[in-house]
Structure formats: C-alpha cells, structure tokens
Amino acid sequence: MKRLLTACLLTFSASLFAQAPADTAGKLIPQKELAIKTNTIIKIENLGPNINSDLPELRPTISADGNILFFICENHPANTKYNSVPNSQDIWYSWRDDDGKWSEARHLSYPLNTMQYNAVYWVSPDNNRILIRGAFHNGAFLGKGISMSVLQSNGRWCEPEMLRIKNYEKYDKGRQSGASMSHDGQTLLLYISPVPGGEDSDLFFCQLQKDGTWSEPKSLGKQINGDDTDEMTPYLAADGETLYFSSNRKGSLGSNDIWMSKRLDKTWQKWSEPINLGSPINTPDWDAFFTLDAGGEYAYLTTKLNTMGESDIVRVKLLEKERPKPVILVSGNVYNAHTKQPLAASLVYETLPDGAIAGNGVSSEMDGSFKIVLPYDKNYSIHANADKFFAQSENLNLDSMVKAGYKEIHKDLYLVPIEIGQVVRLNNVFFDFDKATLRPESFVELDRVVELLKENPKIEIELSAHTDSYGSDDYNMKLSDNRAKSCREYILSKGIKESRIISKGYGETMPVAPNDTDENRQLNRRVEFKILKN
C-alpha cells in the first residue's frame, strides 16, 4: 500500500522546497536535548530540509502508519493565493521511505488547495480519507466548517464534501476553529468559539449518526474547558481514550502548551485532570498542533525554537507516562472471493458479543487496501460491505492480549457474490466445546444472514456444519448436524420461512485443509451457507 499510495501521490502538482545538501536530505536532525530528573534524555528532532524551509511550516498531521505527513506551508510561492492574499496557507505532504527518510515535500493540487486558507485536520488510518478545513459542497466553498475528501482510483483526492453537523453555525462564531476525529470514525472533535468574534475557543464533540450526519456539538466538560482559557487543536490518540490539546490554562510555560487527559467513560464529558507535557515539548512560546502515529511512541508538532525558518515540524519521542495505551494496526485488502480481484468497500468492525459498532473504514478504490486501528481488551468481528456481495467476516479476539504492546498485523477480507452456488464461511459462529449450543457471540453473525434473507426474499440456502478428524465418524456427523440445526433454528426464530433454509452436517467428510496442525483443524471446524436459489 505504501509504495502504491506514494506513486499515486506523485500525480499531484508539485513544487519543491529549497534544495538540501544531498547527504542530509530527508534525515532527522537532532535539534535539542534535555536531561530530566529520571536521567532520561528527551530529543527534539527536526524533520530536516526536505520538509522544513525558511518559511513557517505548521499543523502537521501524521498517518497512523507513520509514513505520510500532511502539513501547512505559509507564504510559499507555489501556494494557490500567494500573489493575492498575505500569509497564504496551503497543504503540502511528504512520505517516508523504508530507510526512514522523508521525501522532498510536495504541494497538493486542486481540489484540496483552493483560494481559501487550506489545511488537513485528520487522516484516517486507511489513508483513504482526510478532513479538510472549510465547508464545501459540489466543489463550492460555503464558509466555516469541516469537509471530507476520499482518495479515488486515479490516485487523486475527490472534491471535499462538508460534514453535516447539526446546528454547527450556532457554535462556531469566533475567529478560529478546527477539528480532528477519532480513529474509529465515530467521534468528531472540534475547537470552536461560541463567542461572536472571540479568539478563545473550547473543545466540543459530535457523534456519527446512522444517517451519516453528525450530532449537535457538546462540550467536553469543565475538566477540559476552563473558564476564560483557550482550548484548541485536539488530538485523540489511537486508543480512543488519550486526548492531547493546546491550552493557555494556568501552569502553561508559554502562551499555549500541550496538555494530556484521559477519557474516563463513554459520555465524552468526564476526563482526568489535564497534565502539562512540560519542556522540551512545551516552550515559552505558543505550542499547538500535536499529532501521533498509531504506535504512540513519537509525537509530531510545530516549534519556533532553533528552527530553519519561522517555525518547523519536529518529532519527539514521548516518555512512557505520556503515551497512550497500545493498539493493533490491522492492514489488509478486500477481495472478491470468487474472482480474487480487489474491491472498494466500506468496512465495519463490531465488538462481540454485544454487536456494538466499534468503528468504520473504507478500502482503496485502487487496490482494495485498508488499515484500521483496534484497541485491546475486546473481541472484534470485522467485515466489508459492497452492493451485491455478502461479507465473509473475520474475528480478532484481543481481550486475551491486554499486556501486548503496539503490533501491526495483516488480515485480508473477502466479499462473496450473491450468486447461486457461492459458499460463505461464517467465521463468527461459535459453540460451546463439544456441544451444539450457540454462544452469544454468534448472534451478530447469524443476524447478518437473517438480514440477507429479508433483503433478498427469493434466496434459499443450505446451512452446513463441519468438524475436524478428531472423534469417530458417527460422532462428528451427529455433532455437525446438530450444530447446523441450531443455526437454522436461530434464523427461523427471526421470521424466515422454513422452506428457505435446509441444514446439514457433514462431519469430517469435506475438509478444506489437511487435519495435520491445530491451525488446519481449526479451518476444518466451520459453519457455512451455500446459495441454492436466487
């Protein structure tokens, strides 16, 4: 994905920064070190001349995999309105190669850089969506707000489309505003000023609704929003709990500092007491625009100390106490299970056994690639959605990996065409050991089959269950038959006609892999359905 996305980004119009010496281009430059009481050395690393110049570089936004960086460059001659408006701000980007070197920064073209002040607020874990400053509709700029753009199959970003936030205009009345989003795509974080013409802002949140709109902004609460203080540039770490933001509250080293707080419940209005991240992250100057990759080890931010220009993008390795909880970055591709061709699809991941939506994503129109971030402590079902396909879901049980650190894993997803003869494996149907009793985790998966049958009233299916080779042939046949009946009975209980479903147990007679390893035996223990009529 990284190489393909890099190749596609190169199609954007480009203009180069000041040339750097060949032996330093793209390398991190040690800028400052500070010894603290624990004898730990905190390094501030300048991202170097391929990104920073003698101009102001601002608002870094790093991708979850840490390989793509979007930022603002102010007053660059390549900026869209350089000749017409003072302090023009456009979006630039750079990517990191396999050796950790950053490419020479490039200027994004229309429709992301327009005649307005431009910025990227957030990049999704799949690298296929970004939040953009301003409200756009059908290519027209409408004013204040937030818009989303999606990466298309030609490698270019589509025209941004505004997020429909209930009563947004009622809250954004000040001179500054901005946004970020949780990595699960379910919660939008805003900084806006409810005071007409005001410069001080507060932090708010909105939540995604079933119709794709966003709820009315609500304050993050008094623990975050102080009286007569300025809270801005929120960033929620990949764990969905750790919030970093900029504030000039009491205890700041300068006009604004970076603070950290932990979300304490699901209301989004109860937080731990914010902690100042201290020097050298915070300086006597104005500090904001703090962002992290999914690993949570390195933060990226803007500084005005010891810079190549007016302000630079730097990286700092956080202390353990400053980091969010570890997560898993899941990457993969979505494929047509029949043709094995990649597919563009929407992704949904749910927690089991409750079936609550835990997040969303999209796969690339170019190669079906995706990335999602999953916090530990939960059991997840993951599947893709596309018209005229049924998803073969996958299971990731992370509640047994609580003490594990940050990890990256690969898991492909498959969509089965809704056609006669196609077989769908139900990976999230579970039974008690050696029994035919459905476990509650299975209901989410079987409910998807119910939905398929209700939406396609002519479909008839065969539900089948299979075992590995342990046990006698007769025992395995009986066990599998009873398990298939249990699935059928559950589906019938949801109002599906008996004539549309038959069930059958095949025991160990139809293995999909040799019964020679635990992994292969697990593949053979399965529940499937086959489309008999459509």
Protein backbone atom coordinates (compact mmCIF):
# COMPACT_ATOMS: atom_id res chain seq x y z
CA MET A 1 0.00 0.00 0.00
CA LYS A 2 2.75 2.40 0.94
CA ARG A 3 4.53 2.19 -2.42
CA LEU A 4 1.26 2.36 -4.36
CA LEU A 5 -0.02 5.34 -2.41
CA THR A 6 3.35 7.05 -2.86
CA ALA A 7 3.15 6.52 -6.60
CA CYS A 8 -0.35 7.96 -6.68
CA LEU A 9 0.54 10.97 -4.58
CA LEU A 10 3.21 11.80 -7.13
CA THR A 11 0.46 12.56 -9.63
CA PHE A 12 -0.40 15.73 -7.71
CA SER A 13 1.07 19.01 -8.95
CA ALA A 14 4.34 19.66 -7.17
CA SER A 15 6.65 22.50 -6.28
CA LEU A 16 9.90 22.00 -4.41
CA PHE A 17 11.29 23.48 -1.23
CA ALA A 18 14.77 24.98 -1.10
CA GLN A 19 17.29 22.31 -2.14
CA ALA A 20 19.05 20.50 0.68
CA PRO A 21 22.56 19.06 0.61
CA ALA A 22 22.47 15.53 -0.79
CA ASP A 23 23.92 13.97 2.35
CA THR A 24 21.26 15.49 4.66
CA ALA A 25 18.08 15.39 2.59
CA GLY A 26 15.27 13.68 4.45
CA LYS A 27 17.29 12.84 7.57
CA LEU A 28 16.23 13.75 11.09
CA ILE A 29 18.43 16.48 12.54
CA PRO A 30 18.99 16.45 16.32
CA GLN A 31 17.80 19.84 17.49
CA LYS A 32 17.74 19.87 21.28
CA GLU A 33 18.22 17.54 24.25
CA LEU A 34 17.03 17.94 27.80
CA ALA A 35 18.13 15.84 30.81
CA ILE A 36 15.29 15.31 33.27
CA LYS A 37 15.23 14.02 36.84
CA THR A 38 14.87 10.41 35.77
CA ASN A 39 18.09 10.73 33.73
CA THR A 40 16.06 10.18 30.55
CA ILE A 41 17.11 12.26 27.56
CA ILE A 42 14.27 13.76 25.54
CA LYS A 43 15.27 14.51 21.96
CA ILE A 44 13.55 17.03 19.75
CA GLU A 45 14.33 16.04 16.15
CA ASN A 46 13.87 18.44 13.26
CA LEU A 47 12.41 16.61 10.25
CA GLY A 48 15.00 18.26 8.05
CA PRO A 49 15.21 20.41 4.92
CA ASN A 50 13.04 18.15 2.78
CA ILE A 51 10.09 19.30 4.90
CA ASN A 52 11.19 22.46 6.69
CA SER A 53 12.33 25.66 4.98
CA ASP A 54 12.91 29.31 5.84
CA LEU A 55 9.12 29.73 5.81
CA PRO A 56 6.58 28.78 8.52
CA GLU A 57 5.66 25.09 8.49
CA LEU A 58 2.57 24.43 10.62
CA ARG A 59 -0.11 21.92 11.63
CA PRO A 60 1.47 18.50 11.00
CA THR A 61 -0.91 15.57 10.53
CA ILE A 62 0.75 12.16 10.53
CA SER A 63 -0.86 8.98 9.19
CA ALA A 64 -1.48 6.06 11.55
CA ASP A 65 1.32 4.03 9.97
CA GLY A 66 3.70 6.98 10.34
CA ASN A 67 4.57 7.09 6.65
CA ILE A 68 2.64 10.10 5.29
CA LEU A 69 2.82 13.61 6.69
CA PHE A 70 0.48 16.45 5.72
CA PHE A 71 1.26 19.99 6.88
CA ILE A 72 0.81 23.67 6.06
CA CYS A 73 3.46 25.83 4.50
CA GLU A 74 2.79 29.52 4.74
CA ASN A 75 3.70 32.10 2.06
CA HIS A 76 5.30 29.62 -0.33
CA PRO A 77 5.44 30.92 -3.94
CA ALA A 78 3.63 27.74 -5.08
CA ASN A 79 0.67 28.40 -2.81
CA THR A 80 -2.65 28.93 -4.57
CA LYS A 81 -3.18 32.53 -3.48
CA TYR A 82 0.44 33.54 -2.88
CA ASN A 83 0.13 36.62 -5.12
CA SER A 84 -3.24 37.80 -3.84
CA VAL A 85 -3.50 37.20 -0.09
CA PRO A 86 -0.92 37.75 2.67
CA ASN A 87 0.07 34.72 4.74
CA SER A 88 -1.34 32.22 2.25
CA GLN A 89 -1.59 28.71 3.71
CA ASP A 90 -1.63 25.58 1.53
CA ILE A 91 -1.37 21.86 2.16
CA TRP A 92 1.92 20.10 1.48
CA TYR A 93 2.86 16.48 2.04
CA SER A 94 5.84 14.16 2.35
CA TRP A 95 6.22 10.40 2.65
CA ARG A 96 8.76 8.30 4.50
CA ASP A 97 10.69 5.57 2.68
CA ASP A 98 11.81 2.19 4.01
CA ASP A 99 15.01 3.76 5.37
CA GLY A 100 13.07 6.31 7.42
CA LYS A 101 13.95 9.25 5.16
CA TRP A 102 11.34 11.85 4.32
CA SER A 103 10.80 12.74 0.67
CA GLU A 104 11.05 16.28 -0.58
CA ALA A 105 7.77 18.00 0.28
CA ARG A 106 5.22 18.42 -2.47
CA HIS A 107 2.35 20.82 -2.93
CA LEU A 108 -1.15 19.34 -3.23
CA SER A 109 -3.23 20.44 -6.16
CA TYR A 110 -6.90 21.35 -6.51
CA PRO A 111 -9.42 20.41 -5.12
CA LEU A 112 -7.63 20.29 -1.76
CA ASN A 113 -5.75 23.56 -2.16
CA THR A 114 -8.20 26.27 -3.12
CA MET A 115 -8.36 30.06 -2.89
CA GLN A 116 -9.19 29.70 0.83
CA TYR A 117 -6.86 29.07 3.78
CA ASN A 118 -6.23 25.34 3.46
CA ALA A 119 -5.35 22.62 5.98
CA VAL A 120 -5.65 18.89 6.63
CA TYR A 121 -7.16 18.26 10.07
CA TRP A 122 -7.05 14.45 10.15
CA VAL A 123 -6.06 11.45 8.04
CA SER A 124 -7.89 8.16 8.51
CA PRO A 125 -5.94 5.00 9.47
CA ASP A 126 -6.63 3.58 5.99
CA ASN A 127 -5.03 6.67 4.38
CA ASN A 128 -8.06 6.87 2.12
CA ARG A 129 -9.88 9.80 3.79
CA ILE A 130 -8.86 13.20 5.08
CA LEU A 131 -10.64 16.03 6.90
CA ILE A 132 -10.24 19.42 5.26
CA ARG A 133 -10.66 22.96 6.58
CA GLY A 134 -13.86 24.69 5.44
CA ALA A 135 -17.31 23.64 4.27
CA PHE A 136 -17.50 22.61 0.60
CA HIS A 137 -20.43 21.30 -1.45
CA ASN A 138 -20.26 20.27 -5.11
CA GLY A 139 -16.89 21.98 -5.37
CA ALA A 140 -18.10 25.32 -3.98
CA PHE A 141 -16.76 26.85 -0.77
CA LEU A 142 -19.64 27.68 1.57
CA GLY A 143 -17.78 29.06 4.61
CA LYS A 144 -16.84 27.76 8.04
CA GLY A 145 -17.00 24.04 8.68
CA ILE A 146 -15.26 20.73 8.05
CA SER A 147 -15.23 18.63 4.89
CA MET A 148 -14.05 15.15 3.97
CA SER A 149 -12.21 14.04 0.84
CA VAL A 150 -11.70 10.45 -0.34
CA LEU A 151 -8.80 9.05 -2.37
CA GLN A 152 -10.05 7.91 -5.79
CA SER A 153 -8.96 5.09 -8.09
CA ASN A 154 -6.90 7.54 -10.19
CA GLY A 155 -4.79 8.45 -7.15
CA ARG A 156 -6.35 11.89 -6.73
CA TRP A 157 -8.50 13.23 -3.94
CA CYS A 158 -12.15 13.84 -4.72
CA GLU A 159 -13.82 17.21 -4.17
CA PRO A 160 -14.30 17.69 -0.41
CA GLU A 161 -17.85 17.38 0.88
CA MET A 162 -18.95 19.10 4.07
CA LEU A 163 -19.83 17.12 7.18
CA ARG A 164 -23.46 17.70 8.12
CA ILE A 165 -23.15 18.79 11.77
CA LYS A 166 -26.42 19.69 13.47
CA ASN A 167 -26.59 23.41 14.35
CA TYR A 168 -22.88 23.91 13.65
CA GLU A 169 -23.34 27.60 12.82
CA LYS A 170 -24.81 28.13 16.29
CA TYR A 171 -21.45 27.28 17.89
CA ASP A 172 -18.73 28.46 15.50
CA LYS A 173 -18.87 32.24 16.00
CA GLY A 174 -15.23 33.04 16.72
CA ARG A 175 -12.12 33.80 14.72
CA GLN A 176 -10.55 30.36 14.92
CA SER A 177 -11.82 26.81 14.55
CA GLY A 178 -10.64 23.34 13.66
CA ALA A 179 -11.26 19.66 14.08
CA SER A 180 -9.94 16.15 14.42
CA MET A 181 -11.55 12.73 14.53
CA SER A 182 -11.23 9.50 16.48
CA HIS A 183 -9.55 6.72 14.51
CA ASP A 184 -12.74 4.66 14.60
CA GLY A 185 -14.52 7.36 12.58
CA GLN A 186 -17.34 7.61 15.14
CA THR A 187 -16.50 10.81 17.05
CA LEU A 188 -15.60 14.25 15.73
CA LEU A 189 -13.62 16.62 17.95
CA LEU A 190 -13.97 20.37 17.37
CA TYR A 191 -12.41 23.52 18.70
CA ILE A 192 -14.70 26.47 18.17
CA SER A 193 -15.55 29.71 19.90
CA PRO A 194 -19.21 30.22 20.84
CA VAL A 195 -18.47 33.92 21.46
CA PRO A 196 -19.06 36.13 18.39
CA GLY A 197 -15.69 37.35 17.13
CA GLY A 198 -13.91 35.68 20.05
CA GLU A 199 -10.38 34.30 19.89
CA ASP A 200 -10.73 31.89 22.84
CA SER A 201 -12.16 28.50 21.88
CA ASP A 202 -13.46 25.41 23.70
CA LEU A 203 -13.38 21.74 22.80
CA PHE A 204 -16.57 20.01 21.67
CA PHE A 205 -17.51 16.58 20.33
CA CYS A 206 -20.07 15.27 17.84
CA GLN A 207 -21.00 11.65 17.14
CA LEU A 208 -21.79 9.94 13.86
CA GLN A 209 -25.47 9.18 13.34
CA LYS A 210 -26.99 6.26 11.43
CA ASP A 211 -27.95 8.55 8.53
CA GLY A 212 -24.36 9.76 8.11
CA THR A 213 -24.91 13.15 9.75
CA TRP A 214 -23.29 14.32 12.98
CA SER A 215 -24.93 15.18 16.29
CA GLU A 216 -25.05 18.70 17.68
CA PRO A 217 -21.74 19.75 19.32
CA LYS A 218 -21.43 19.14 23.06
CA SER A 219 -18.74 20.45 25.38
CA LEU A 220 -16.06 18.02 26.54
CA GLY A 221 -16.77 19.29 30.04
CA LYS A 222 -15.31 21.62 32.64
CA GLN A 223 -12.24 19.48 33.30
CA ILE A 224 -11.10 20.22 29.73
CA ASN A 225 -12.67 23.63 29.04
CA GLY A 226 -11.54 26.12 31.67
CA ASP A 227 -13.05 29.48 32.44
CA ASP A 228 -11.58 32.28 30.29
CA THR A 229 -8.98 29.93 28.77
CA ASP A 230 -8.27 28.92 25.20
CA GLU A 231 -8.51 25.20 24.38
CA MET A 232 -7.73 24.19 20.80
CA THR A 233 -6.16 21.68 18.35
CA PRO A 234 -7.44 18.47 19.99
CA TYR A 235 -5.88 15.15 19.00
CA LEU A 236 -7.31 11.83 20.19
CA ALA A 237 -4.76 9.02 20.22
CA ALA A 238 -5.41 5.66 18.56
CA ASP A 239 -6.51 4.11 21.87
CA GLY A 240 -9.64 6.31 21.75
CA GLU A 241 -9.02 7.49 25.33
CA THR A 242 -5.95 9.72 25.45
CA LEU A 243 -6.55 13.34 24.47
CA TYR A 244 -3.82 15.88 23.68
CA PHE A 245 -4.75 19.52 23.23
CA SER A 246 -3.35 23.04 23.37
CA SER A 247 -4.35 25.44 26.15
CA ASN A 248 -3.20 28.62 27.86
CA ARG A 249 -4.58 27.48 31.21
CA LYS A 250 -2.77 28.07 34.49
CA GLY A 251 0.54 26.21 34.61
CA SER A 252 1.48 26.77 30.97
CA LEU A 253 5.10 27.59 30.19
CA GLY A 254 4.12 29.95 27.40
CA SER A 255 1.02 31.41 25.82
CA ASN A 256 -0.25 27.94 24.91
CA ASP A 257 1.07 24.49 25.92
CA ILE A 258 0.29 20.86 25.04
CA TRP A 259 -1.77 19.10 27.74
CA MET A 260 -2.85 15.47 28.11
CA SER A 261 -6.01 13.97 29.63
CA LYS A 262 -7.67 10.52 29.72
CA ARG A 263 -11.33 9.84 28.90
CA LEU A 264 -12.97 8.17 31.91
CA ASP A 265 -16.27 6.92 30.47
CA LYS A 266 -18.40 6.77 27.34
CA THR A 267 -20.06 10.16 27.85
CA TRP A 268 -17.06 12.08 26.45
CA GLN A 269 -17.60 14.64 29.21
CA LYS A 270 -15.65 13.06 32.06
CA TRP A 271 -11.86 13.35 31.87
CA SER A 272 -8.86 13.03 34.13
CA GLU A 273 -7.17 16.22 35.30
CA PRO A 274 -5.08 17.51 32.36
CA ILE A 275 -1.30 17.17 32.68
CA ASN A 276 1.18 19.59 31.12
CA LEU A 277 3.67 17.65 28.96
CA GLY A 278 6.44 20.01 30.06
CA SER A 279 9.69 21.02 28.38
CA PRO A 280 11.01 20.49 25.73
CA ILE A 281 7.63 19.67 24.13
CA ASN A 282 6.30 22.90 25.57
CA THR A 283 8.26 26.12 25.22
CA PRO A 284 7.94 29.74 26.41
CA ASP A 285 6.30 30.37 23.03
CA TRP A 286 2.95 29.23 21.57
CA ASP A 287 2.65 25.41 21.29
CA ALA A 288 -0.09 23.54 19.43
CA PHE A 289 -0.77 21.09 16.57
CA PHE A 290 0.27 17.90 18.35
CA THR A 291 -0.21 14.60 16.47
CA LEU A 292 0.81 10.94 16.88
CA ASP A 293 1.10 7.83 14.77
CA ALA A 294 -0.75 4.70 15.92
CA GLY A 295 2.35 3.39 17.69
CA GLY A 296 2.07 6.28 20.13
CA GLU A 297 5.83 6.48 20.61
CA TYR A 298 6.60 9.58 18.55
CA ALA A 299 4.74 12.87 18.50
CA TYR A 300 4.93 15.45 15.72
CA LEU A 301 4.40 19.15 16.35
CA THR A 302 5.38 22.67 15.39
CA THR A 303 8.11 24.63 17.13
CA LYS A 304 9.72 28.06 16.84
CA LEU A 305 12.88 27.18 18.77
CA ASN A 306 16.19 26.55 16.98
CA THR A 307 14.43 26.33 13.62
CA MET A 308 15.48 26.55 10.00
CA GLY A 309 12.79 29.19 9.43
CA GLU A 310 9.97 30.92 11.26
CA SER A 311 8.59 27.58 12.51
CA ASP A 312 9.43 23.94 11.79
CA ILE A 313 7.89 20.48 12.05
CA VAL A 314 9.70 18.36 14.62
CA ARG A 315 9.42 14.90 16.14
CA VAL A 316 9.81 13.93 19.80
CA LYS A 317 9.92 10.53 21.48
CA LEU A 318 7.43 10.53 24.34
CA LEU A 319 8.11 9.26 27.82
CA GLU A 320 6.18 6.15 28.82
CA LYS A 321 3.83 8.16 31.05
CA GLU A 322 3.00 10.50 28.16
CA ARG A 323 1.98 7.75 25.73
CA PRO A 324 -1.48 6.35 25.01
CA LYS A 325 -2.39 2.71 25.51
CA PRO A 326 -1.01 0.36 22.83
CA VAL A 327 -3.21 -0.70 19.92
CA ILE A 328 -3.10 -3.06 16.95
CA LEU A 329 -2.89 -1.70 13.41
CA VAL A 330 -4.66 -4.13 11.10
CA SER A 331 -3.88 -3.83 7.40
CA GLY A 332 -5.15 -5.91 4.52
CA ASN A 333 -7.02 -5.93 1.24
CA VAL A 334 -10.64 -6.55 0.34
CA TYR A 335 -11.14 -9.14 -2.41
CA ASN A 336 -13.94 -10.67 -4.42
CA ALA A 337 -13.93 -14.22 -3.01
CA HIS A 338 -14.86 -15.68 -6.40
CA THR A 339 -12.56 -13.77 -8.77
CA LYS A 340 -9.88 -12.78 -6.21
CA GLN A 341 -9.94 -9.24 -7.64
CA PRO A 342 -9.57 -6.29 -5.21
CA LEU A 343 -12.70 -4.36 -4.27
CA ALA A 344 -13.52 -0.89 -2.97
CA ALA A 345 -15.79 -1.37 0.03
CA SER A 346 -16.88 0.14 3.30
CA LEU A 347 -15.65 -1.58 6.46
CA VAL A 348 -17.40 -2.14 9.75
CA TYR A 349 -15.97 -3.61 12.93
CA GLU A 350 -18.12 -4.57 15.89
CA THR A 351 -17.48 -5.80 19.39
CA LEU A 352 -18.68 -9.25 20.43
CA PRO A 353 -20.95 -10.45 21.87
CA ASP A 354 -22.95 -7.19 22.00
CA GLY A 355 -22.59 -6.32 18.30
CA ALA A 356 -21.92 -2.65 19.06
CA ILE A 357 -20.29 -0.78 16.18
CA ALA A 358 -16.71 -0.06 17.19
CA GLY A 359 -15.58 1.76 14.06
CA ASN A 360 -15.64 2.11 10.30
CA GLY A 361 -13.27 2.41 7.38
CA VAL A 362 -13.01 2.16 3.61
CA SER A 363 -10.82 0.14 1.30
CA SER A 364 -8.92 1.81 -1.53
CA GLU A 365 -10.50 2.10 -4.96
CA MET A 366 -7.08 1.32 -6.40
CA ASP A 367 -6.16 -2.00 -4.78
CA GLY A 368 -8.71 -2.73 -2.07
CA SER A 369 -6.21 -1.95 0.68
CA PHE A 370 -7.30 -0.80 4.13
CA LYS A 371 -5.99 -0.08 7.60
CA ILE A 372 -7.90 0.06 10.87
CA VAL A 373 -6.79 0.63 14.45
CA LEU A 374 -8.12 -1.62 17.22
CA PRO A 375 -7.69 -1.04 20.95
CA TYR A 376 -7.03 -4.10 23.09
CA ASP A 377 -9.40 -5.66 25.68
CA LYS A 378 -12.13 -6.55 23.19
CA ASN A 379 -13.29 -9.28 20.81
CA TYR A 380 -13.97 -7.92 17.30
CA SER A 381 -15.88 -9.01 14.23
CA ILE A 382 -14.68 -7.28 11.04
CA HIS A 383 -16.36 -7.30 7.65
CA ALA A 384 -16.58 -5.31 4.43
CA ASN A 385 -19.75 -4.14 2.67
CA ALA A 386 -20.39 -3.71 -1.05
CA ASP A 387 -23.51 -3.86 -3.19
CA LYS A 388 -24.48 -7.37 -4.40
CA PHE A 389 -21.95 -9.06 -2.09
CA PHE A 390 -22.16 -10.81 1.26
CA ALA A 391 -19.24 -10.34 3.62
CA GLN A 392 -17.20 -13.20 4.97
CA SER A 393 -16.37 -11.72 8.37
CA GLU A 394 -13.18 -12.19 10.34
CA ASN A 395 -12.64 -12.48 14.07
CA LEU A 396 -9.94 -10.79 16.14
CA ASN A 397 -10.01 -11.64 19.82
CA LEU A 398 -7.83 -9.06 21.55
CA ASP A 399 -9.18 -9.45 25.08
CA SER A 400 -6.50 -12.08 25.74
CA MET A 401 -3.70 -9.74 24.64
CA VAL A 402 -4.10 -6.99 27.23
CA LYS A 403 -0.40 -6.74 28.06
CA ALA A 404 0.82 -6.82 24.48
CA GLY A 405 2.45 -3.70 23.02
CA TYR A 406 1.81 -2.00 19.70
CA LYS A 407 1.56 -4.50 16.87
CA GLU A 408 0.88 -4.50 13.15
CA ILE A 409 -0.87 -7.49 11.58
CA HIS A 410 -2.21 -8.35 8.12
CA LYS A 411 -5.68 -9.79 7.54
CA ASP A 412 -7.48 -9.83 4.19
CA LEU A 413 -11.26 -9.60 3.90
CA TYR A 414 -13.44 -11.35 1.31
CA LEU A 415 -16.81 -10.49 -0.20
CA VAL A 416 -18.82 -13.31 -1.75
CA PRO A 417 -21.03 -12.51 -4.76
CA ILE A 418 -24.72 -13.18 -4.10
CA GLU A 419 -24.97 -15.85 -6.78
CA ILE A 420 -26.23 -19.43 -6.96
CA GLY A 421 -23.57 -21.90 -5.87
CA GLN A 422 -21.48 -19.44 -3.86
CA VAL A 423 -20.40 -20.61 -0.39
CA VAL A 424 -19.91 -18.22 2.55
CA ARG A 425 -17.96 -19.24 5.62
CA LEU A 426 -19.41 -17.84 8.87
CA ASN A 427 -16.26 -17.22 10.88
CA ASN A 428 -18.02 -15.67 13.84
CA VAL A 429 -20.35 -18.55 14.73
CA PHE A 430 -19.21 -20.21 17.95
CA PHE A 431 -20.35 -23.18 20.03
CA ASP A 432 -19.59 -24.44 23.50
CA PHE A 433 -16.91 -27.14 23.43
CA ASP A 434 -18.19 -30.46 22.10
CA LYS A 435 -21.78 -29.12 22.05
CA ALA A 436 -24.29 -27.70 19.60
CA THR A 437 -25.24 -24.77 21.84
CA LEU A 438 -24.72 -21.41 20.14
CA ARG A 439 -22.67 -18.94 22.11
CA PRO A 440 -23.98 -15.34 22.30
CA GLU A 441 -21.08 -14.11 20.13
CA SER A 442 -22.70 -15.98 17.22
CA PHE A 443 -25.88 -13.92 17.11
CA VAL A 444 -24.27 -10.92 15.38
CA GLU A 445 -23.06 -13.14 12.53
CA LEU A 446 -26.33 -15.04 12.13
CA ASP A 447 -28.27 -11.77 12.20
CA ARG A 448 -26.39 -10.75 9.07
CA VAL A 449 -27.67 -13.92 7.36
CA VAL A 450 -31.18 -13.02 8.50
CA GLU A 451 -30.77 -9.56 7.01
CA LEU A 452 -29.56 -11.06 3.71
CA LEU A 453 -32.62 -13.31 3.50
CA LYS A 454 -35.01 -10.48 4.32
CA GLU A 455 -33.46 -8.17 1.72
CA ASN A 456 -33.46 -10.95 -0.91
CA PRO A 457 -36.79 -12.80 -0.48
CA LYS A 458 -36.10 -15.28 -3.31
CA ILE A 459 -32.84 -16.60 -1.87
CA GLU A 460 -32.79 -20.15 -0.47
CA ILE A 461 -29.75 -21.53 1.34
CA GLU A 462 -28.22 -24.66 2.79
CA LEU A 463 -26.64 -24.22 6.23
CA SER A 464 -23.84 -26.71 6.84
CA ALA A 465 -21.53 -27.52 9.73
CA HIS A 466 -18.20 -29.33 9.57
CA THR A 467 -15.71 -30.86 12.04
CA ASP A 468 -12.06 -31.87 12.06
CA SER A 469 -10.97 -35.51 12.11
CA TYR A 470 -10.88 -35.96 15.90
CA GLY A 471 -13.53 -38.38 17.15
CA SER A 472 -15.44 -41.12 15.39
CA ASP A 473 -17.13 -40.61 12.05
CA ASP A 474 -20.60 -41.14 13.53
CA TYR A 475 -19.99 -38.77 16.43
CA ASN A 476 -18.66 -35.99 14.17
CA MET A 477 -21.57 -36.40 11.77
CA LYS A 478 -24.12 -36.13 14.59
CA LEU A 479 -22.35 -33.15 16.23
CA SER A 480 -22.11 -31.23 12.96
CA ASP A 481 -25.73 -31.97 12.07
CA ASN A 482 -26.93 -30.67 15.44
CA ARG A 483 -24.82 -27.52 15.07
CA ALA A 484 -26.27 -26.83 11.62
CA LYS A 485 -29.78 -27.30 13.07
CA SER A 486 -29.02 -24.85 15.88
CA CYS A 487 -28.08 -22.18 13.32
CA ARG A 488 -31.19 -22.88 11.26
CA GLU A 489 -33.45 -22.69 14.30
CA TYR A 490 -31.99 -19.33 15.29
CA ILE A 491 -32.58 -17.89 11.82
CA LEU A 492 -36.12 -19.27 11.68
CA SER A 493 -36.83 -17.61 15.03
CA LYS A 494 -36.28 -14.26 13.32
CA GLY A 495 -39.22 -14.76 10.97
CA ILE A 496 -37.63 -16.53 8.00
CA LYS A 497 -39.80 -19.22 6.32
CA GLU A 498 -38.75 -22.83 6.90
CA SER A 499 -38.84 -23.58 3.17
CA ARG A 500 -35.95 -21.20 2.54
CA ILE A 501 -33.37 -22.98 4.69
CA ILE A 502 -32.17 -26.55 4.89
CA SER A 503 -29.46 -27.67 7.30
CA LYS A 504 -26.98 -30.50 7.07
CA GLY A 505 -23.98 -31.79 8.98
CA TYR A 506 -21.04 -33.14 7.01
CA GLY A 507 -18.79 -34.19 9.89
CA GLU A 508 -15.22 -34.59 8.70
CA THR A 509 -16.08 -35.56 5.12
CA MET A 510 -15.41 -32.16 3.49
CA PRO A 511 -12.11 -30.78 4.89
CA VAL A 512 -10.67 -27.57 3.42
CA ALA A 513 -7.18 -28.37 4.75
CA PRO A 514 -5.25 -31.43 5.97
CA ASN A 515 -6.00 -32.31 9.60
CA ASP A 516 -2.30 -32.20 10.48
CA THR A 517 -1.95 -28.99 12.54
CA ASP A 518 -4.04 -27.08 15.07
CA GLU A 519 -4.41 -24.25 12.57
CA ASN A 520 -5.66 -26.54 9.80
CA ARG A 521 -8.03 -28.37 12.11
CA GLN A 522 -9.49 -25.02 13.10
CA LEU A 523 -10.08 -24.25 9.42
CA ASN A 524 -11.98 -27.52 9.08
CA ARG A 525 -14.23 -26.76 12.08
CA ARG A 526 -16.62 -24.36 10.43
CA VAL A 527 -20.18 -23.31 9.62
CA GLU A 528 -21.08 -22.25 6.08
CA PHE A 529 -24.06 -21.49 3.93
CA LYS A 530 -24.49 -22.14 0.23
CA ILE A 531 -26.85 -20.18 -2.01
CA LEU A 532 -29.19 -22.70 -3.64
CA LYS A 533 -31.66 -20.36 -5.30
CA ASN A 534 -31.74 -16.65 -6.07
